[in-house]
C-alpha cells in the first residue's frame, strides 16, 4: 500500500506527432510502383561518378606524405631508440638493486 503523492502532479505521456506539410500518398504509391522519373535522362559520361582527385588523375598528389607526418615519424623513431638505449643501459642496475 503506497502513497502516490507527487508535488508537481502526474506526468503526461509524450507523443511524437509529425505531420508533413506536402504529402501526397498517391504520388508516393506511383513512385514505389513505377520508380522516380522526375530526373532528366542525361547521357552517360565515363568517370563522372568518381569523386575527388581520382577523377582528374591527381592521385599522386593525395598519396604524398605531408611534412608534418615526416617530422612526427622522425621524432617517434628517435624517442624509440632513446628508450631502448636507456632500458639497455639502466635495466641491469635496476635488477641488481632489486636482488639485494
C-alpha atoms as a PDB file:
ATOM      1  CA  UNK A   1       0.000   0.000   0.000  1.00  0.00           C
ATOM      2  CA  UNK A   2       1.844   3.028  -1.235  1.00  0.00           C
ATOM      3  CA  UNK A   3       1.021   6.651  -1.482  1.00  0.00           C
ATOM      4  CA  UNK A   4       1.100   8.177  -4.947  1.00  0.00           C
ATOM      5  CA  UNK A   5       1.673  11.776  -3.944  1.00  0.00           C
ATOM      6  CA  UNK A   6       3.581  13.909  -6.421  1.00  0.00           C
ATOM      7  CA  UNK A   7       4.226  17.581  -5.712  1.00  0.00           C
ATOM      8  CA  UNK A   8       4.107  18.576  -9.399  1.00  0.00           C
ATOM      9  CA  UNK A   9       1.242  16.310 -10.417  1.00  0.00           C
ATOM     10  CA  UNK A  10       1.303  13.300 -12.721  1.00  0.00           C
ATOM     11  CA  UNK A  11       3.323  13.412 -15.912  1.00  0.00           C
ATOM     12  CA  UNK A  12       1.622  13.200 -19.256  1.00  0.00           C
ATOM     13  CA  UNK A  13       2.784  10.708 -21.820  1.00  0.00           C
ATOM     14  CA  UNK A  14       4.696  12.454 -24.582  1.00  0.00           C
ATOM     15  CA  UNK A  15       3.779  11.513 -28.118  1.00  0.00           C
ATOM     16  CA  UNK A  16       5.519  12.146 -31.395  1.00  0.00           C
ATOM     17  CA  UNK A  17       3.145  13.839 -33.760  1.00  0.00           C
ATOM     18  CA  UNK A  18       4.828  14.779 -37.036  1.00  0.00           C
ATOM     19  CA  UNK A  19       2.547  15.809 -39.850  1.00  0.00           C
ATOM     20  CA  UNK A  20       4.277  16.523 -43.156  1.00  0.00           C
ATOM     21  CA  UNK A  21       3.121  19.657 -44.946  1.00  0.00           C
ATOM     22  CA  UNK A  22       3.301  18.430 -48.524  1.00  0.00           C
ATOM     23  CA  UNK A  23       2.471  14.738 -48.665  1.00  0.00           C
ATOM     24  CA  UNK A  24       0.616  13.021 -51.439  1.00  0.00           C
ATOM     25  CA  UNK A  25       0.073   9.309 -50.722  1.00  0.00           C
ATOM     26  CA  UNK A  26      -0.993   8.619 -54.324  1.00  0.00           C
ATOM     27  CA  UNK A  27       2.231  10.133 -55.643  1.00  0.00           C
ATOM     28  CA  UNK A  28       4.274   8.029 -53.216  1.00  0.00           C
ATOM     29  CA  UNK A  29       2.476   4.871 -54.357  1.00  0.00           C
ATOM     30  CA  UNK A  30       3.205   5.721 -58.004  1.00  0.00           C
ATOM     31  CA  UNK A  31       6.899   6.248 -57.198  1.00  0.00           C
ATOM     32  CA  UNK A  32       7.056   2.892 -55.439  1.00  0.00           C
ATOM     33  CA  UNK A  33       5.359   1.073 -58.317  1.00  0.00           C
ATOM     34  CA  UNK A  34       6.957   2.724 -61.331  1.00  0.00           C
ATOM     35  CA  UNK A  35      10.102   4.404 -59.970  1.00  0.00           C
ATOM     36  CA  UNK A  36      11.065   8.058 -59.810  1.00  0.00           C
ATOM     37  CA  UNK A  37      11.137   9.506 -63.342  1.00  0.00           C
ATOM     38  CA  UNK A  38      11.262  13.153 -62.364  1.00  0.00           C
ATOM     39  CA  UNK A  39      15.007  13.328 -63.111  1.00  0.00           C
ATOM     40  CA  UNK A  40      16.170  14.186 -66.586  1.00  0.00           C
ATOM     41  CA  UNK A  41      17.800  11.495 -68.684  1.00  0.00           C
ATOM     42  CA  UNK A  42      21.408  12.527 -69.102  1.00  0.00           C
ATOM     43  CA  UNK A  43      23.933  10.908 -71.367  1.00  0.00           C
ATOM     44  CA  UNK A  44      26.463   8.720 -69.530  1.00  0.00           C
ATOM     45  CA  UNK A  45      29.952  10.188 -69.181  1.00  0.00           C
ATOM     46  CA  UNK A  46      32.634   7.671 -68.144  1.00  0.00           C
ATOM     47  CA  UNK A  47      34.174   8.541 -64.786  1.00  0.00           C
ATOM     48  CA  UNK A  48      31.538  11.106 -63.866  1.00  0.00           C
ATOM     49  CA  UNK A  49      30.505   9.176 -60.756  1.00  0.00           C
ATOM     50  CA  UNK A  50      34.080   9.007 -59.396  1.00  0.00           C
ATOM     51  CA  UNK A  51      34.602  11.515 -56.620  1.00  0.00           C
ATOM     52  CA  UNK A  52      37.582  13.582 -55.609  1.00  0.00           C
ATOM     53  CA  UNK A  53      41.069  13.605 -57.007  1.00  0.00           C
ATOM     54  CA  UNK A  54      40.856  10.234 -58.735  1.00  0.00           C
ATOM     55  CA  UNK A  55      38.623  11.688 -61.425  1.00  0.00           C
ATOM     56  CA  UNK A  56      41.221  14.229 -62.585  1.00  0.00           C
ATOM     57  CA  UNK A  57      44.178  11.869 -62.321  1.00  0.00           C
ATOM     58  CA  UNK A  58      45.675  13.663 -59.322  1.00  0.00           C
ATOM     59  CA  UNK A  59      46.096  10.511 -57.247  1.00  0.00           C
ATOM     60  CA  UNK A  60      49.826  11.088 -56.714  1.00  0.00           C
ATOM     61  CA  UNK A  61      49.153  14.427 -55.022  1.00  0.00           C
ATOM     62  CA  UNK A  62      46.863  12.870 -52.440  1.00  0.00           C
ATOM     63  CA  UNK A  63      49.178   9.938 -51.785  1.00  0.00           C
ATOM     64  CA  UNK A  64      52.181  12.126 -50.839  1.00  0.00           C
ATOM     65  CA  UNK A  65      53.050  12.260 -47.138  1.00  0.00           C
ATOM     66  CA  UNK A  66      52.953  15.745 -45.640  1.00  0.00           C
ATOM     67  CA  UNK A  67      55.982  17.282 -43.973  1.00  0.00           C
ATOM     68  CA  UNK A  68      54.301  17.215 -40.552  1.00  0.00           C
ATOM     69  CA  UNK A  69      53.916  13.452 -40.789  1.00  0.00           C
ATOM     70  CA  UNK A  70      57.583  13.072 -41.754  1.00  0.00           C
ATOM     71  CA  UNK A  71      58.741  15.145 -38.767  1.00  0.00           C
ATOM     72  CA  UNK A  72      56.440  13.230 -36.427  1.00  0.00           C
ATOM     73  CA  UNK A  73      57.799   9.931 -37.737  1.00  0.00           C
ATOM     74  CA  UNK A  74      61.430  11.025 -37.189  1.00  0.00           C
ATOM     75  CA  UNK A  75      60.712  12.217 -33.636  1.00  0.00           C
ATOM     76  CA  UNK A  76      58.915   8.968 -32.802  1.00  0.00           C
ATOM     77  CA  UNK A  77      61.835   6.927 -34.133  1.00  0.00           C
ATOM     78  CA  UNK A  78      64.380   8.952 -32.137  1.00  0.00           C
ATOM     79  CA  UNK A  79      62.335   8.601 -28.947  1.00  0.00           C
ATOM     80  CA  UNK A  80      62.011   4.856 -29.505  1.00  0.00           C
ATOM     81  CA  UNK A  81      65.776   4.459 -29.886  1.00  0.00           C
ATOM     82  CA  UNK A  82      66.352   6.626 -26.783  1.00  0.00           C
ATOM     83  CA  UNK A  83      64.022   4.449 -24.697  1.00  0.00           C
ATOM     84  CA  UNK A  84      65.684   1.254 -25.949  1.00  0.00           C
ATOM     85  CA  UNK A  85      69.126   2.669 -25.119  1.00  0.00           C
ATOM     86  CA  UNK A  86      68.098   3.743 -21.603  1.00  0.00           C
ATOM     87  CA  UNK A  87      66.494   0.378 -20.875  1.00  0.00           C
ATOM     88  CA  UNK A  88      69.618  -1.420 -22.142  1.00  0.00           C
ATOM     89  CA  UNK A  89      71.899   0.798 -20.029  1.00  0.00           C
ATOM     90  CA  UNK A  90      69.942   1.036 -16.740  1.00  0.00           C
ATOM     91  CA  UNK A  91      67.925  -2.202 -16.609  1.00  0.00           C
ATOM     92  CA  UNK A  92      70.823  -4.291 -15.201  1.00  0.00           C
ATOM     93  CA  UNK A  93      71.343  -1.706 -12.430  1.00  0.00           C
ATOM     94  CA  UNK A  94      67.657  -1.864 -11.558  1.00  0.00           C
ATOM     95  CA  UNK A  95      67.655  -5.655 -11.437  1.00  0.00           C
ATOM     96  CA  UNK A  96      70.798  -5.691  -9.230  1.00  0.00           C
ATOM     97  CA  UNK A  97      69.297  -3.194  -6.772  1.00  0.00           C
ATOM     98  CA  UNK A  98      66.099  -5.273  -6.504  1.00  0.00           C
ATOM     99  CA  UNK A  99      68.012  -8.511  -5.885  1.00  0.00           C
ATOM    100  CA  UNK A 100      69.949  -7.114  -2.882  1.00  0.00           C
END
